[in-house]
Amino acid sequence: MKLIAVLTVLCTFSGAAIAQSAPCQSIAKASDRLACYDKAAPPIALAKPAAAKTPAAPAKLAVSQTSTEQQGHVVDLLAAENAKLDAKLKTICRGC
């Protein structure tokens, strides 16, 4: 019985919450509506320290060289697997 009473109260007050709309929705012009939303929730700018940019460049170069080597290894593995598959396919009798 208490559950039904709680659900009734929640449903009663949720209608009022849904009826309240943001004032920005009623603005017809898109640019003005966007400005209204930006005022309500301003975008967050990510802080990027200037000191971190300088040492990151050599590290990025080393990472790209490592990833290139790994890609070459993966390509070699795929080529070997493709060669095995081609050999198996050639042994299949298609007209027997």
PDB file of N, CA and C in Angstrom:
ATOM      1  N   MET A   1       0.823  -1.185   0.000  1.00  0.00           N
ATOM      2  CA  MET A   1       0.000   0.000   0.000  1.00  0.00           C
ATOM      3  C   MET A   1       0.875   1.260   0.000  1.00  0.00           C
ATOM      4  N   LYS A   2       1.977   1.187   0.772  1.00  0.00           N
ATOM      5  CA  LYS A   2       2.884   2.338   0.814  1.00  0.00           C
ATOM      6  C   LYS A   2       3.538   2.557  -0.547  1.00  0.00           C
ATOM      7  N   LEU A   3       3.803   1.466  -1.239  1.00  0.00           N
ATOM      8  CA  LEU A   3       4.431   1.562  -2.552  1.00  0.00           C
ATOM      9  C   LEU A   3       3.533   2.303  -3.527  1.00  0.00           C
ATOM     10  N   ILE A   4       2.245   2.019  -3.464  1.00  0.00           N
ATOM     11  CA  ILE A   4       1.302   2.694  -4.366  1.00  0.00           C
ATOM     12  C   ILE A   4       1.225   4.176  -4.037  1.00  0.00           C
ATOM     13  N   ALA A   5       1.261   4.522  -2.761  1.00  0.00           N
ATOM     14  CA  ALA A   5       1.214   5.926  -2.358  1.00  0.00           C
ATOM     15  C   ALA A   5       2.467   6.658  -2.825  1.00  0.00           C
ATOM     16  N   VAL A   6       3.624   6.011  -2.685  1.00  0.00           N
ATOM     17  CA  VAL A   6       4.880   6.632  -3.112  1.00  0.00           C
ATOM     18  C   VAL A   6       4.886   6.822  -4.630  1.00  0.00           C
ATOM     19  N   LEU A   7       4.441   5.835  -5.363  1.00  0.00           N
ATOM     20  CA  LEU A   7       4.385   5.956  -6.822  1.00  0.00           C
ATOM     21  C   LEU A   7       3.423   7.058  -7.259  1.00  0.00           C
ATOM     22  N   THR A   8       2.313   7.196  -6.568  1.00  0.00           N
ATOM     23  CA  THR A   8       1.352   8.242  -6.899  1.00  0.00           C
ATOM     24  C   THR A   8       1.960   9.618  -6.671  1.00  0.00           C
ATOM     25  N   VAL A   9       2.650   9.800  -5.560  1.00  0.00           N
ATOM     26  CA  VAL A   9       3.290  11.085  -5.265  1.00  0.00           C
ATOM     27  C   VAL A   9       4.373  11.390  -6.293  1.00  0.00           C
ATOM     28  N   LEU A  10       5.171  10.388  -6.632  1.00  0.00           N
ATOM     29  CA  LEU A  10       6.233  10.600  -7.625  1.00  0.00           C
ATOM     30  C   LEU A  10       5.659  10.976  -8.988  1.00  0.00           C
ATOM     31  N   CYS A  11       4.616  10.310  -9.389  1.00  0.00           N
ATOM     32  CA  CYS A  11       3.997  10.620 -10.680  1.00  0.00           C
ATOM     33  C   CYS A  11       3.381  12.009 -10.687  1.00  0.00           C
ATOM     34  N   THR A  12       2.844  12.419  -9.560  1.00  0.00           N
ATOM     35  CA  THR A  12       2.230  13.749  -9.463  1.00  0.00           C
ATOM     36  C   THR A  12       3.277  14.833  -9.639  1.00  0.00           C
ATOM     37  N   PHE A  13       4.410  14.690  -8.963  1.00  0.00           N
ATOM     38  CA  PHE A  13       5.426  15.725  -9.031  1.00  0.00           C
ATOM     39  C   PHE A  13       6.286  15.633 -10.287  1.00  0.00           C
ATOM     40  N   SER A  14       6.347  14.501 -10.929  1.00  0.00           N
ATOM     41  CA  SER A  14       7.153  14.397 -12.142  1.00  0.00           C
ATOM     42  C   SER A  14       6.502  15.153 -13.290  1.00  0.00           C
ATOM     43  N   GLY A  15       5.204  15.278 -13.308  1.00  0.00           N
ATOM     44  CA  GLY A  15       4.520  16.052 -14.341  1.00  0.00           C
ATOM     45  C   GLY A  15       4.906  17.510 -14.283  1.00  0.00           C
ATOM     46  N   ALA A  16       5.070  18.044 -13.083  1.00  0.00           N
ATOM     47  CA  ALA A  16       5.476  19.437 -12.930  1.00  0.00           C
ATOM     48  C   ALA A  16       6.915  19.624 -13.402  1.00  0.00           C
ATOM     49  N   ALA A  17       7.752  18.653 -13.151  1.00  0.00           N
ATOM     50  CA  ALA A  17       9.145  18.749 -13.581  1.00  0.00           C
ATOM     51  C   ALA A  17       9.251  18.692 -15.095  1.00  0.00           C
ATOM     52  N   ILE A  18       8.408  17.868 -15.719  1.00  0.00           N
ATOM     53  CA  ILE A  18       8.430  17.772 -17.175  1.00  0.00           C
ATOM     54  C   ILE A  18       7.880  19.038 -17.811  1.00  0.00           C
ATOM     55  N   ALA A  19       6.889  19.643 -17.172  1.00  0.00           N
ATOM     56  CA  ALA A  19       6.253  20.837 -17.731  1.00  0.00           C
ATOM     57  C   ALA A  19       7.205  22.024 -17.739  1.00  0.00           C
ATOM     58  N   GLN A  20       8.156  22.058 -16.835  1.00  0.00           N
ATOM     59  CA  GLN A  20       9.106  23.159 -16.811  1.00  0.00           C
ATOM     60  C   GLN A  20      10.113  22.941 -17.929  1.00  0.00           C
ATOM     61  N   SER A  21      10.134  23.850 -18.867  1.00  0.00           N
ATOM     62  CA  SER A  21      11.060  23.716 -19.986  1.00  0.00           C
ATOM     63  C   SER A  21      12.127  24.790 -19.896  1.00  0.00           C
ATOM     64  N   ALA A  22      13.202  24.562 -20.567  1.00  0.00           N
ATOM     65  CA  ALA A  22      14.279  25.539 -20.588  1.00  0.00           C
ATOM     66  C   ALA A  22      13.837  26.767 -21.366  1.00  0.00           C
ATOM     67  N   PRO A  23      14.223  27.952 -20.928  1.00  0.00           N
ATOM     68  CA  PRO A  23      13.816  29.158 -21.648  1.00  0.00           C
ATOM     69  C   PRO A  23      14.447  29.245 -23.035  1.00  0.00           C
ATOM     70  N   CYS A  24      15.501  28.496 -23.260  1.00  0.00           N
ATOM     71  CA  CYS A  24      16.185  28.548 -24.553  1.00  0.00           C
ATOM     72  C   CYS A  24      15.386  27.842 -25.653  1.00  0.00           C
ATOM     73  N   GLN A  25      14.515  26.917 -25.297  1.00  0.00           N
ATOM     74  CA  GLN A  25      13.764  26.176 -26.304  1.00  0.00           C
ATOM     75  C   GLN A  25      12.793  27.057 -27.073  1.00  0.00           C
ATOM     76  N   SER A  26      12.330  28.126 -26.458  1.00  0.00           N
ATOM     77  CA  SER A  26      11.322  28.961 -27.114  1.00  0.00           C
ATOM     78  C   SER A  26      11.923  29.966 -28.088  1.00  0.00           C
ATOM     79  N   ILE A  27      13.246  30.065 -28.157  1.00  0.00           N
ATOM     80  CA  ILE A  27      13.902  31.014 -29.067  1.00  0.00           C
ATOM     81  C   ILE A  27      13.905  30.424 -30.467  1.00  0.00           C
ATOM     82  N   ALA A  28      13.407  31.192 -31.432  1.00  0.00           N
ATOM     83  CA  ALA A  28      13.251  30.685 -32.797  1.00  0.00           C
ATOM     84  C   ALA A  28      14.558  30.689 -33.586  1.00  0.00           C
ATOM     85  N   LYS A  29      15.345  31.735 -33.474  1.00  0.00           N
ATOM     86  CA  LYS A  29      16.570  31.855 -34.264  1.00  0.00           C
ATOM     87  C   LYS A  29      17.656  30.939 -33.688  1.00  0.00           C
ATOM     88  N   ALA A  30      18.261  30.142 -34.546  1.00  0.00           N
ATOM     89  CA  ALA A  30      19.210  29.122 -34.107  1.00  0.00           C
ATOM     90  C   ALA A  30      20.432  29.722 -33.407  1.00  0.00           C
ATOM     91  N   SER A  31      20.979  30.803 -33.931  1.00  0.00           N
ATOM     92  CA  SER A  31      22.181  31.382 -33.330  1.00  0.00           C
ATOM     93  C   SER A  31      21.881  31.968 -31.953  1.00  0.00           C
ATOM     94  N   ASP A  32      20.707  32.583 -31.791  1.00  0.00           N
ATOM     95  CA  ASP A  32      20.326  33.123 -30.485  1.00  0.00           C
ATOM     96  C   ASP A  32      20.073  31.996 -29.486  1.00  0.00           C
ATOM     97  N   ARG A  33      19.472  30.902 -29.966  1.00  0.00           N
ATOM     98  CA  ARG A  33      19.218  29.752 -29.101  1.00  0.00           C
ATOM     99  C   ARG A  33      20.536  29.138 -28.645  1.00  0.00           C
ATOM    100  N   LEU A  34      21.510  29.046 -29.542  1.00  0.00           N
ATOM    101  CA  LEU A  34      22.822  28.511 -29.186  1.00  0.00           C
ATOM    102  C   LEU A  34      23.510  29.408 -28.162  1.00  0.00           C
ATOM    103  N   ALA A  35      23.395  30.725 -28.341  1.00  0.00           N
ATOM    104  CA  ALA A  35      23.986  31.647 -27.378  1.00  0.00           C
ATOM    105  C   ALA A  35      23.341  31.492 -26.005  1.00  0.00           C
ATOM    106  N   CYS A  36      22.037  31.264 -25.988  1.00  0.00           N
ATOM    107  CA  CYS A  36      21.327  31.056 -24.728  1.00  0.00           C
ATOM    108  C   CYS A  36      21.832  29.795 -24.037  1.00  0.00           C
ATOM    109  N   TYR A  37      21.982  28.706 -24.793  1.00  0.00           N
ATOM    110  CA  TYR A  37      22.489  27.464 -24.209  1.00  0.00           C
ATOM    111  C   TYR A  37      23.935  27.632 -23.738  1.00  0.00           C
ATOM    112  N   ASP A  38      24.734  28.401 -24.471  1.00  0.00           N
ATOM    113  CA  ASP A  38      26.113  28.628 -24.058  1.00  0.00           C
ATOM    114  C   ASP A  38      26.180  29.425 -22.761  1.00  0.00           C
ATOM    115  N   LYS A  39      25.232  30.356 -22.572  1.00  0.00           N
ATOM    116  CA  LYS A  39      25.178  31.093 -21.316  1.00  0.00           C
ATOM    117  C   LYS A  39      24.786  30.173 -20.169  1.00  0.00           C
ATOM    118  N   ALA A  40      23.848  29.276 -20.427  1.00  0.00           N
ATOM    119  CA  ALA A  40      23.374  28.380 -19.381  1.00  0.00           C
ATOM    120  C   ALA A  40      24.452  27.384 -18.965  1.00  0.00           C
ATOM    121  N   ALA A  41      25.161  26.847 -19.920  1.00  0.00           N
ATOM    122  CA  ALA A  41      26.230  25.882 -19.638  1.00  0.00           C
ATOM    123  C   ALA A  41      27.409  26.222 -20.525  1.00  0.00           C
ATOM    124  N   PRO A  42      28.301  27.100 -20.066  1.00  0.00           N
ATOM    125  CA  PRO A  42      29.429  27.501 -20.906  1.00  0.00           C
ATOM    126  C   PRO A  42      30.349  26.328 -21.192  1.00  0.00           C
ATOM    127  N   PRO A  43      30.927  26.293 -22.399  1.00  0.00           N
ATOM    128  CA  PRO A  43      31.827  25.197 -22.749  1.00  0.00           C
ATOM    129  C   PRO A  43      33.082  25.241 -21.879  1.00  0.00           C
ATOM    130  N   ILE A  44      33.592  24.053 -21.574  1.00  0.00           N
ATOM    131  CA  ILE A  44      34.773  23.940 -20.727  1.00  0.00           C
ATOM    132  C   ILE A  44      36.003  23.874 -21.621  1.00  0.00           C
ATOM    133  N   ALA A  45      36.941  24.786 -21.388  1.00  0.00           N
ATOM    134  CA  ALA A  45      38.179  24.794 -22.160  1.00  0.00           C
ATOM    135  C   ALA A  45      39.189  23.885 -21.470  1.00  0.00           C
ATOM    136  N   LEU A  46      39.834  23.023 -22.240  1.00  0.00           N
ATOM    137  CA  LEU A  46      40.843  22.133 -21.691  1.00  0.00           C
ATOM    138  C   LEU A  46      42.157  22.884 -21.541  1.00  0.00           C
ATOM    139  N   ALA A  47      42.742  22.800 -20.394  1.00  0.00           N
ATOM    140  CA  ALA A  47      44.013  23.469 -20.148  1.00  0.00           C
ATOM    141  C   ALA A  47      45.143  22.585 -20.658  1.00  0.00           C
ATOM    142  N   LYS A  48      45.985  23.160 -21.491  1.00  0.00           N
ATOM    143  CA  LYS A  48      47.137  22.435 -22.025  1.00  0.00           C
ATOM    144  C   LYS A  48      48.402  23.172 -21.595  1.00  0.00           C
ATOM    145  N   PRO A  49      49.192  22.571 -20.735  1.00  0.00           N
ATOM    146  CA  PRO A  49      50.415  23.244 -20.303  1.00  0.00           C
ATOM    147  C   PRO A  49      51.410  23.356 -21.454  1.00  0.00           C
ATOM    148  N   ALA A  50      52.045  24.518 -21.556  1.00  0.00           N
ATOM    149  CA  ALA A  50      52.992  24.771 -22.637  1.00  0.00           C
ATOM    150  C   ALA A  50      54.252  23.934 -22.479  1.00  0.00           C
ATOM    151  N   ALA A  51      54.646  23.626 -21.257  1.00  0.00           N
ATOM    152  CA  ALA A  51      55.871  22.856 -21.026  1.00  0.00           C
ATOM    153  C   ALA A  51      55.723  21.414 -21.502  1.00  0.00           C
ATOM    154  N   ALA A  52      54.514  20.893 -21.484  1.00  0.00           N
ATOM    155  CA  ALA A  52      54.309  19.502 -21.876  1.00  0.00           C
ATOM    156  C   ALA A  52      54.396  19.315 -23.388  1.00  0.00           C
ATOM    157  N   LYS A  53      54.191  20.358 -24.154  1.00  0.00           N
ATOM    158  CA  LYS A  53      54.208  20.245 -25.618  1.00  0.00           C
ATOM    159  C   LYS A  53      55.615  19.980 -26.149  1.00  0.00           C
ATOM    160  N   THR A  54      56.623  20.596 -25.589  1.00  0.00           N
ATOM    161  CA  THR A  54      57.976  20.479 -26.102  1.00  0.00           C
ATOM    162  C   THR A  54      58.538  19.062 -25.979  1.00  0.00           C
ATOM    163  N   PRO A  55      58.502  18.393 -24.809  1.00  0.00           N
ATOM    164  CA  PRO A  55      59.066  17.046 -24.741  1.00  0.00           C
ATOM    165  C   PRO A  55      58.210  15.998 -25.432  1.00  0.00           C
ATOM    166  N   ALA A  56      56.957  16.294 -25.696  1.00  0.00           N
ATOM    167  CA  ALA A  56      56.064  15.302 -26.293  1.00  0.00           C
ATOM    168  C   ALA A  56      56.423  15.021 -27.748  1.00  0.00           C
ATOM    169  N   ALA A  57      57.015  15.965 -28.452  1.00  0.00           N
ATOM    170  CA  ALA A  57      57.315  15.788 -29.865  1.00  0.00           C
ATOM    171  C   ALA A  57      58.314  14.646 -30.107  1.00  0.00           C
ATOM    172  N   PRO A  58      59.443  14.558 -29.402  1.00  0.00           N
ATOM    173  CA  PRO A  58      60.348  13.425 -29.630  1.00  0.00           C
ATOM    174  C   PRO A  58      59.715  12.097 -29.232  1.00  0.00           C
ATOM    175  N   ALA A  59      58.932  12.089 -28.184  1.00  0.00           N
ATOM    176  CA  ALA A  59      58.281  10.852 -27.759  1.00  0.00           C
ATOM    177  C   ALA A  59      57.288  10.393 -28.815  1.00  0.00           C
ATOM    178  N   LYS A  60      56.602  11.345 -29.420  1.00  0.00           N
ATOM    179  CA  LYS A  60      55.624  11.005 -30.456  1.00  0.00           C
ATOM    180  C   LYS A  60      56.327  10.391 -31.659  1.00  0.00           C
ATOM    181  N   LEU A  61      57.503  10.900 -31.997  1.00  0.00           N
ATOM    182  CA  LEU A  61      58.274  10.354 -33.108  1.00  0.00           C
ATOM    183  C   LEU A  61      58.681   8.917 -32.823  1.00  0.00           C
ATOM    184  N   ALA A  62      59.120   8.651 -31.598  1.00  0.00           N
ATOM    185  CA  ALA A  62      59.527   7.298 -31.230  1.00  0.00           C
ATOM    186  C   ALA A  62      58.334   6.351 -31.262  1.00  0.00           C
ATOM    187  N   VAL A  63      57.178   6.821 -30.840  1.00  0.00           N
ATOM    188  CA  VAL A  63      55.980   5.988 -30.855  1.00  0.00           C
ATOM    189  C   VAL A  63      55.581   5.675 -32.289  1.00  0.00           C
ATOM    190  N   SER A  64      55.688   6.659 -33.196  1.00  0.00           N
ATOM    191  CA  SER A  64      55.300   6.411 -34.575  1.00  0.00           C
ATOM    192  C   SER A  64      56.243   5.419 -35.246  1.00  0.00           C
ATOM    193  N   GLN A  65      57.534   5.470 -34.912  1.00  0.00           N
ATOM    194  CA  GLN A  65      58.468   4.504 -35.481  1.00  0.00           C
ATOM    195  C   GLN A  65      58.163   3.102 -34.969  1.00  0.00           C
ATOM    196  N   THR A  66      57.837   2.987 -33.690  1.00  0.00           N
ATOM    197  CA  THR A  66      57.512   1.686 -33.106  1.00  0.00           C
ATOM    198  C   THR A  66      56.241   1.136 -33.721  1.00  0.00           C
ATOM    199  N   SER A  67      55.240   1.990 -33.896  1.00  0.00           N
ATOM    200  CA  SER A  67      53.987   1.511 -34.479  1.00  0.00           C
ATOM    201  C   SER A  67      54.181   1.093 -35.931  1.00  0.00           C
ATOM    202  N   THR A  68      55.079   1.756 -36.659  1.00  0.00           N
ATOM    203  CA  THR A  68      55.363   1.370 -38.041  1.00  0.00           C
ATOM    204  C   THR A  68      56.010  -0.009 -38.080  1.00  0.00           C
ATOM    205  N   GLU A  69      56.918  -0.255 -37.141  1.00  0.00           N
ATOM    206  CA  GLU A  69      57.559  -1.569 -37.076  1.00  0.00           C
ATOM    207  C   GLU A  69      56.533  -2.647 -36.745  1.00  0.00           C
ATOM    208  N   GLN A  70      55.621  -2.343 -35.836  1.00  0.00           N
ATOM    209  CA  GLN A  70      54.590  -3.305 -35.470  1.00  0.00           C
ATOM    210  C   GLN A  70      53.657  -3.565 -36.639  1.00  0.00           C
ATOM    211  N   GLN A  71      53.334  -2.530 -37.391  1.00  0.00           N
ATOM    212  CA  GLN A  71      52.463  -2.700 -38.553  1.00  0.00           C
ATOM    213  C   GLN A  71      53.148  -3.586 -39.590  1.00  0.00           C
ATOM    214  N   GLY A  72      54.442  -3.398 -39.785  1.00  0.00           N
ATOM    215  CA  GLY A  72      55.179  -4.233 -40.719  1.00  0.00           C
ATOM    216  C   GLY A  72      55.169  -5.690 -40.288  1.00  0.00           C
ATOM    217  N   HIS A  73      55.279  -5.927 -38.997  1.00  0.00           N
ATOM    218  CA  HIS A  73      55.237  -7.294 -38.464  1.00  0.00           C
ATOM    219  C   HIS A  73      53.867  -7.912 -38.688  1.00  0.00           C
ATOM    220  N   VAL A  74      52.820  -7.134 -38.457  1.00  0.00           N
ATOM    221  CA  VAL A  74      51.459  -7.631 -38.659  1.00  0.00           C
ATOM    222  C   VAL A  74      51.224  -7.941 -40.131  1.00  0.00           C
ATOM    223  N   VAL A  75      51.715  -7.083 -41.008  1.00  0.00           N
ATOM    224  CA  VAL A  75      51.560  -7.309 -42.443  1.00  0.00           C
ATOM    225  C   VAL A  75      52.279  -8.588 -42.854  1.00  0.00           C
ATOM    226  N   ASP A  76      53.464  -8.816 -42.285  1.00  0.00           N
ATOM    227  CA  ASP A  76      54.203 -10.045 -42.587  1.00  0.00           C
ATOM    228  C   ASP A  76      53.430 -11.271 -42.125  1.00  0.00           C
ATOM    229  N   LEU A  77      52.836 -11.196 -40.940  1.00  0.00           N
ATOM    230  CA  LEU A  77      52.042 -12.319 -40.435  1.00  0.00           C
ATOM    231  C   LEU A  77      50.834 -12.571 -41.329  1.00  0.00           C
ATOM    232  N   LEU A  78      50.184 -11.519 -41.763  1.00  0.00           N
ATOM    233  CA  LEU A  78      49.031 -11.672 -42.645  1.00  0.00           C
ATOM    234  C   LEU A  78      49.437 -12.250 -43.997  1.00  0.00           C
ATOM    235  N   ALA A  79      50.573 -11.821 -44.509  1.00  0.00           N
ATOM    236  CA  ALA A  79      51.046 -12.349 -45.785  1.00  0.00           C
ATOM    237  C   ALA A  79      51.338 -13.841 -45.665  1.00  0.00           C
ATOM    238  N   ALA A  80      51.934 -14.248 -44.551  1.00  0.00           N
ATOM    239  CA  ALA A  80      52.224 -15.672 -44.348  1.00  0.00           C
ATOM    240  C   ALA A  80      50.931 -16.474 -44.232  1.00  0.00           C
ATOM    241  N   GLU A  81      49.954 -15.929 -43.524  1.00  0.00           N
ATOM    242  CA  GLU A  81      48.677 -16.627 -43.383  1.00  0.00           C
ATOM    243  C   GLU A  81      47.950 -16.709 -44.728  1.00  0.00           C
ATOM    244  N   ASN A  82      48.020 -15.651 -45.509  1.00  0.00           N
ATOM    245  CA  ASN A  82      47.400 -15.672 -46.835  1.00  0.00           C
ATOM    246  C   ASN A  82      48.059 -16.693 -47.749  1.00  0.00           C
ATOM    247  N   ALA A  83      49.379 -16.822 -47.650  1.00  0.00           N
ATOM    248  CA  ALA A  83      50.085 -17.814 -48.459  1.00  0.00           C
ATOM    249  C   ALA A  83      49.646 -19.233 -48.092  1.00  0.00           C
ATOM    250  N   LYS A  84      49.477 -19.502 -46.796  1.00  0.00           N
ATOM    251  CA  LYS A  84      49.002 -20.822 -46.358  1.00  0.00           C
ATOM    252  C   LYS A  84      47.593 -21.089 -46.873  1.00  0.00           C
ATOM    253  N   LEU A  85      46.744 -20.075 -46.806  1.00  0.00           N
ATOM    254  CA  LEU A  85      45.368 -20.235 -47.271  1.00  0.00           C
ATOM    255  C   LEU A  85      45.332 -20.476 -48.780  1.00  0.00           C
ATOM    256  N   ASP A  86      46.157 -19.755 -49.524  1.00  0.00           N
ATOM    257  CA  ASP A  86      46.218 -19.964 -50.983  1.00  0.00           C
ATOM    258  C   ASP A  86      46.669 -21.385 -51.314  1.00  0.00           C
ATOM    259  N   ALA A  87      47.628 -21.894 -50.561  1.00  0.00           N
ATOM    260  CA  ALA A  87      48.106 -23.264 -50.793  1.00  0.00           C
ATOM    261  C   ALA A  87      47.002 -24.270 -50.529  1.00  0.00           C
ATOM    262  N   LYS A  88      46.211 -24.061 -49.500  1.00  0.00           N
ATOM    263  CA  LYS A  88      45.093 -24.960 -49.203  1.00  0.00           C
ATOM    264  C   LYS A  88      44.022 -24.882 -50.280  1.00  0.00           C
ATOM    265  N   LEU A  89      43.761 -23.695 -50.781  1.00  0.00           N
ATOM    266  CA  LEU A  89      42.714 -23.524 -51.793  1.00  0.00           C
ATOM    267  C   LEU A  89      43.109 -24.178 -53.103  1.00  0.00           C
ATOM    268  N   LYS A  90      44.383 -24.211 -53.419  1.00  0.00           N
ATOM    269  CA  LYS A  90      44.828 -24.816 -54.676  1.00  0.00           C
ATOM    270  C   LYS A  90      44.655 -26.325 -54.659  1.00  0.00           C
ATOM    271  N   THR A  91      44.590 -26.927 -53.470  1.00  0.00           N
ATOM    272  CA  THR A  91      44.438 -28.379 -53.389  1.00  0.00           C
ATOM    273  C   THR A  91      42.973 -28.828 -53.463  1.00  0.00           C
ATOM    274  N   ILE A  92      42.061 -27.885 -53.456  1.00  0.00           N
ATOM    275  CA  ILE A  92      40.641 -28.242 -53.515  1.00  0.00           C
ATOM    276  C   ILE A  92      40.294 -28.604 -54.959  1.00  0.00           C
ATOM    277  N   CYS A  93      39.679 -29.737 -55.134  1.00  0.00           N
ATOM    278  CA  CYS A  93      39.258 -30.174 -56.455  1.00  0.00           C
ATOM    279  C   CYS A  93      37.906 -29.529 -56.760  1.00  0.00           C
ATOM    280  N   ARG A  94      37.853 -28.727 -57.803  1.00  0.00           N
ATOM    281  CA  ARG A  94      36.615 -27.999 -58.100  1.00  0.00           C
ATOM    282  C   ARG A  94      35.754 -28.694 -59.146  1.00  0.00           C
ATOM    283  N   GLY A  95      36.280 -29.605 -59.855  1.00  0.00           N
ATOM    284  CA  GLY A  95      35.502 -30.228 -60.904  1.00  0.00           C
ATOM    285  C   GLY A  95      35.346 -31.750 -60.731  1.00  0.00           C
ATOM    286  N   CYS A  96      35.662 -32.256 -59.556  1.00  0.00           N
ATOM    287  CA  CYS A  96      35.640 -33.701 -59.346  1.00  0.00           C
ATOM    288  C   CYS A  96      34.252 -34.264 -59.315  1.00  0.00           C
TER     289      CYS A  96
END
